[in-house]
Protein backbone atom coordinates (compact mmCIF):
# COMPACT_ATOMS: atom_id res chain seq x y z
CA MET A 1 2.18 16.14 46.50
CA ARG A 2 3.35 15.85 42.95
CA VAL A 3 4.35 12.33 41.90
CA PRO A 4 7.39 12.06 39.58
CA SER A 5 6.46 10.92 36.08
CA SER A 6 8.63 7.80 36.20
CA LYS A 7 7.15 6.71 39.52
CA LYS A 8 3.64 7.49 38.28
CA ILE A 9 4.15 5.26 35.25
CA THR A 10 5.61 2.47 37.39
CA LEU A 11 2.73 2.60 39.86
CA ILE A 12 0.02 2.63 37.19
CA LEU A 13 1.69 -0.15 35.21
CA GLY A 14 2.06 -2.25 38.35
CA ALA A 15 -1.61 -1.70 39.18
CA GLU A 16 -2.72 -2.69 35.68
CA LEU A 17 -0.53 -5.79 35.74
CA GLY A 18 -1.90 -6.70 39.15
CA LYS A 19 -5.50 -6.40 37.95
CA LEU A 20 -4.79 -8.48 34.88
CA ILE A 21 -2.93 -11.36 36.51
CA THR A 22 -5.41 -11.60 39.39
CA LEU A 23 -8.36 -11.82 37.02
CA PRO A 24 -9.31 -15.54 36.97
CA LEU A 25 -10.69 -15.29 33.44
CA THR A 26 -7.23 -14.30 32.19
CA TRP A 27 -5.74 -17.65 33.17
CA LEU A 28 -8.83 -19.65 32.24
CA THR A 29 -8.71 -18.14 28.76
CA LEU A 30 -5.00 -18.78 28.29
CA ILE A 31 -5.12 -22.33 29.66
CA GLY A 32 -8.16 -23.13 27.53
CA THR A 33 -6.41 -21.73 24.44
CA PHE A 34 -3.28 -23.77 25.19
CA ILE A 35 -5.26 -27.00 25.52
CA LEU A 36 -7.21 -26.23 22.35
CA ASN A 37 -3.95 -25.63 20.49
CA LEU A 38 -2.51 -29.00 21.54
CA PHE A 39 -5.71 -30.74 20.50
CA LEU A 40 -5.73 -29.03 17.10
CA ALA A 41 -2.00 -29.62 16.59
CA ALA A 42 -2.50 -33.33 17.24
CA ALA A 43 -5.43 -33.45 14.81
CA PHE A 44 -3.69 -31.55 12.02
CA THR A 45 -0.47 -33.52 12.49
CA SER A 46 -2.30 -36.84 12.28
CA VAL A 47 -3.77 -35.74 8.97
CA GLY A 48 -0.36 -34.51 7.81
CA LEU A 49 1.30 -37.83 8.59
CA GLN A 50 -1.00 -39.49 6.10
CA GLU A 51 0.33 -37.28 3.34
CA THR A 52 3.73 -36.51 1.92
CA ALA A 53 5.19 -33.82 4.15
CA GLY A 54 8.17 -31.63 3.50
CA THR A 55 9.71 -28.60 5.15
CA GLN A 56 6.98 -26.28 3.97
CA SER A 57 4.10 -28.42 5.18
CA ILE A 58 5.57 -28.94 8.66
CA LEU A 59 5.35 -25.21 9.40
CA ASN A 60 1.97 -24.99 7.71
CA ILE A 61 0.60 -27.83 9.80
CA GLY A 62 2.18 -26.56 13.02
CA LEU A 63 0.59 -23.16 12.52
CA ALA A 64 -2.69 -24.34 11.01
CA SER A 65 -4.47 -23.77 14.33
CA MET A 66 -3.73 -20.03 14.32
CA GLY A 67 -7.10 -19.24 12.77
CA TYR A 68 -8.78 -20.80 15.79
CA LEU A 69 -6.27 -19.69 18.43
CA GLN A 70 -6.87 -16.04 17.65
CA ALA A 71 -10.35 -16.41 19.16
CA GLY A 72 -8.80 -17.03 22.58
CA PHE A 73 -6.63 -13.95 22.34
CA ILE A 74 -9.55 -11.84 21.09
CA ILE A 75 -11.46 -12.93 24.18
CA LEU A 76 -8.44 -12.13 26.37
CA GLY A 77 -8.17 -8.59 25.02
CA ILE A 78 -11.87 -7.86 25.40
CA LEU A 79 -11.96 -9.26 28.94
CA ALA A 80 -8.96 -7.15 29.93
CA ALA A 81 -10.71 -4.00 28.70
CA CYS A 82 -14.30 -4.72 29.77
CA SER A 83 -13.93 -6.55 33.08
CA GLU A 84 -13.82 -3.32 35.11
CA TYR A 85 -17.09 -2.07 33.63
CA THR A 86 -19.03 -5.16 34.74
CA GLY A 87 -19.01 -4.32 38.45
CA GLY A 88 -18.38 -0.60 38.19
CA GLN A 89 -14.72 -0.85 39.27
CA ILE A 90 -13.83 1.52 36.46
CA ARG A 91 -15.04 4.44 38.61
CA THR A 92 -12.53 3.55 41.33
CA THR A 93 -9.78 3.24 38.72
CA LEU A 94 -10.49 6.66 37.22
CA THR A 95 -10.76 8.26 40.66
CA THR A 96 -7.34 7.01 41.74
CA VAL A 97 -5.80 7.43 38.26
CA PRO A 98 -7.27 10.56 36.66
CA TRP A 99 -4.81 10.51 33.74
CA ARG A 100 -7.05 8.58 31.38
CA GLY A 101 -4.84 8.52 28.31
CA LEU A 102 -1.84 7.34 30.31
CA GLN A 103 -3.89 4.76 32.18
CA LEU A 104 -5.33 3.25 28.98
CA SER A 105 -1.90 3.17 27.33
CA LEU A 106 -0.36 1.39 30.30
CA LYS A 107 -3.28 -1.04 30.39
CA HIS A 108 -2.37 -2.04 26.84
CA LEU A 109 1.30 -2.27 27.81
CA ALA A 110 0.45 -4.53 30.76
CA LEU A 111 -1.66 -6.67 28.45
CA ALA A 112 1.25 -6.97 26.02
CA ILE A 113 3.60 -8.00 28.85
CA VAL A 114 1.27 -10.85 29.76
CA THR A 115 0.35 -11.80 26.20
CA ILE A 116 3.80 -12.03 24.60
CA PRO A 117 5.15 -14.98 26.65
CA ALA A 118 1.75 -16.70 26.61
CA ALA A 119 1.44 -16.33 22.83
CA PHE A 120 5.00 -17.58 22.33
CA ILE A 121 4.44 -20.69 24.45
CA ILE A 122 1.13 -21.51 22.79
CA ALA A 123 2.38 -20.94 19.23
CA ALA A 124 5.64 -22.81 19.88
CA SER A 125 3.86 -25.79 21.42
CA GLY A 126 1.96 -26.47 18.20
CA VAL A 127 5.01 -26.10 15.97
CA PHE A 128 7.28 -28.22 18.17
CA TYR A 129 4.63 -30.91 18.55
CA THR A 130 4.31 -31.16 14.79
CA PHE A 131 8.08 -31.10 14.32
CA ILE A 132 8.60 -33.94 16.81
CA ARG A 133 5.87 -36.07 15.27
CA MET A 134 7.07 -35.39 11.72
CA ARG A 135 10.82 -35.07 12.33
CA ASP A 136 11.61 -37.84 9.87
CA THR A 137 10.24 -35.68 7.05
CA ALA A 138 11.85 -32.48 8.34
CA THR A 139 15.06 -32.75 6.36
CA GLY A 140 16.37 -29.28 5.60
CA LEU A 141 14.18 -27.46 8.09
CA GLU A 142 16.32 -24.70 9.59
CA ILE A 143 15.88 -23.68 13.20
CA ASP A 144 16.03 -20.01 12.17
CA THR A 145 13.03 -20.47 9.88
CA MET A 146 11.07 -22.18 12.64
CA LEU A 147 11.91 -19.51 15.22
CA ALA A 148 11.04 -16.72 12.77
CA ALA A 149 7.63 -18.32 12.16
CA ILE A 150 7.00 -18.68 15.90
CA ALA A 151 8.08 -15.08 16.51
CA GLY A 152 5.72 -13.91 13.76
CA ALA A 153 2.85 -15.91 15.25
CA THR A 154 3.61 -14.42 18.66
CA GLY A 155 3.55 -10.91 17.23
CA TYR A 156 0.29 -11.56 15.39
CA LEU A 157 -1.48 -12.90 18.48
CA THR A 158 -0.16 -10.03 20.61
CA LEU A 159 -1.27 -7.32 18.18
CA THR A 160 -4.66 -9.03 17.77
CA THR A 161 -5.07 -9.01 21.56
CA LEU A 162 -4.23 -5.30 21.77
CA LEU A 163 -6.61 -4.47 18.92
CA SER A 164 -9.34 -6.42 20.70
CA ALA A 165 -8.65 -4.58 23.95
CA ALA A 166 -9.01 -1.27 22.13
CA MET A 167 -12.34 -2.43 20.70
CA GLY A 168 -13.41 -3.47 24.19
CA ALA A 169 -12.49 -0.03 25.53
CA LEU A 170 -14.60 1.55 22.79
CA ILE A 171 -17.71 -0.58 23.36
CA ARG A 172 -17.25 -1.17 27.13
CA ARG A 173 -19.46 -4.27 27.08
CA THR A 174 -18.08 -7.77 26.77
CA THR A 175 -20.80 -9.51 24.76
CA PRO A 176 -21.29 -6.87 22.03
CA ALA A 177 -17.52 -6.54 21.61
CA LEU A 178 -17.16 -10.32 21.27
CA VAL A 179 -20.00 -10.50 18.75
CA ILE A 180 -18.48 -7.73 16.61
CA LEU A 181 -14.90 -9.01 16.61
CA LEU A 182 -15.61 -12.73 16.34
CA GLY A 183 -18.19 -11.94 13.66
CA TYR A 184 -15.56 -10.00 11.73
CA TYR A 185 -12.74 -12.53 12.05
CA PHE A 186 -14.82 -15.64 11.36
CA VAL A 187 -17.61 -14.39 9.06
CA VAL A 188 -17.03 -10.97 7.50
CA SER A 189 -13.32 -11.32 6.73
CA PRO A 190 -13.60 -14.72 4.97
CA LEU A 191 -16.48 -13.39 2.87
CA THR A 192 -14.52 -10.23 2.02
CA ARG A 193 -11.57 -12.31 0.83
CA ASP A 194 -13.80 -14.02 -1.71
CA LEU A 195 -15.83 -10.99 -2.78
CA LEU A 196 -13.03 -8.39 -2.74
CA PRO A 197 -9.75 -10.27 -3.32
CA GLY A 198 -7.83 -7.08 -4.03
CA LEU A 199 -8.71 -5.70 -0.60
CA LYS A 200 -8.00 -8.78 1.48
CA ARG A 201 -4.27 -8.13 1.86
CA TYR A 202 -4.98 -4.95 3.81
CA LEU A 203 -7.39 -6.47 6.31
CA PRO A 204 -5.82 -6.84 9.77
CA ASP A 205 -6.14 -10.62 9.99
CA THR A 206 -5.03 -11.34 6.42
CA ALA A 207 -2.09 -8.92 6.56
CA GLY A 208 -1.12 -10.33 9.93
CA SER A 209 -1.09 -13.90 8.60
CA TYR A 210 1.94 -13.01 6.48
CA MET A 211 3.85 -12.48 9.72
CA TYR A 212 4.12 -16.21 10.32
CA MET A 213 2.96 -18.28 7.34
CA PRO A 214 5.71 -19.52 5.00
CA LEU A 215 5.02 -18.48 1.44
CA SER A 216 4.86 -20.74 -1.56
CA SER A 217 6.94 -19.89 -4.61
CA GLU A 218 3.74 -19.98 -6.67
CA GLU A 219 2.08 -17.21 -4.68
CA VAL A 220 1.86 -13.76 -6.25
CA ASN A 221 0.74 -10.37 -5.00
CA VAL A 222 1.56 -11.26 -1.42
CA LEU A 223 3.02 -9.24 1.43
CA THR A 224 6.33 -9.79 3.14
CA ALA A 225 6.41 -10.50 6.86
CA LEU A 226 7.55 -6.92 7.47
CA GLN A 227 4.76 -5.44 5.36
CA GLY A 228 2.16 -7.60 7.08
CA THR A 229 3.49 -6.54 10.47
CA GLY A 230 3.36 -2.88 9.49
CA ILE A 231 -0.24 -3.06 8.28
CA LEU A 232 -1.45 -4.89 11.39
CA MET A 233 0.43 -2.45 13.63
CA LEU A 234 -1.27 0.47 11.87
CA TRP A 235 -4.69 -1.11 12.42
CA THR A 236 -3.89 -1.71 16.08
CA LEU A 237 -2.57 1.81 16.66
CA LEU A 238 -5.62 3.27 14.91
CA PHE A 239 -8.00 1.40 17.20
CA ILE A 240 -5.98 2.34 20.30
CA ILE A 241 -5.94 6.03 19.33
CA VAL A 242 -9.69 6.09 18.66
CA ALA A 243 -10.36 4.22 21.91
CA SER A 244 -8.18 6.69 23.81
CA ILE A 245 -10.03 9.69 22.36
CA PHE A 246 -13.43 8.31 23.38
CA TYR A 247 -12.07 7.10 26.72
CA ARG A 248 -10.93 10.60 27.65
CA ARG A 249 -14.10 12.40 26.54
CA ARG A 250 -16.97 10.37 27.91
CA ASP A 251 -18.19 9.52 31.37
CA ALA A 252 -17.12 6.31 33.12
């Protein structure tokens, strides 16, 4: 019996969401990232209170933990992609859902559905914590500016998670994927920024940082939030497309 396309999409998406939200490591990763963010926000805010803080620094301090938070979302994306390969469940998935390209696309969509609210809550918690602690120095801070920064941070973490999931689908093993991505984000990228400063704006993490970090008037040759979003989206789509090609052509 032929299943209507709309029902097929709904069923596959529901199955992917079910697998993701029933995976204990999903919630352990998100809860651990949330706790880490509160700890870092408290630490950075305590340092900020010892200095003169204005509108600019409140957002900078509230989002200073982003460089560390991204590790949790990288782990989330890789776990979502690689968890089925650990016990061989991927064979059952591909037997019941033979449309590989559609299944991988909906897996990423399900991951985005879970990641967006989680990323928003985690990013907002750090900013609001800093704002509450430093509210006496927050004169002139507009709510629109704060919400735009939180929305940008949410988008960055979500796209980073999807890119990581695509890398996980390519490699199919959790540990190697973690080593490659964490090695890039925390070792290779910082070195590249120093050695090749002209290239750094087009790296996925650097371009993505312009989505949420307020810019100083002294900064030159920087990207707008829209440009940074576009570059990171292109990187993410590229990885998803490549992952989909390999996913469709090789054995489970």
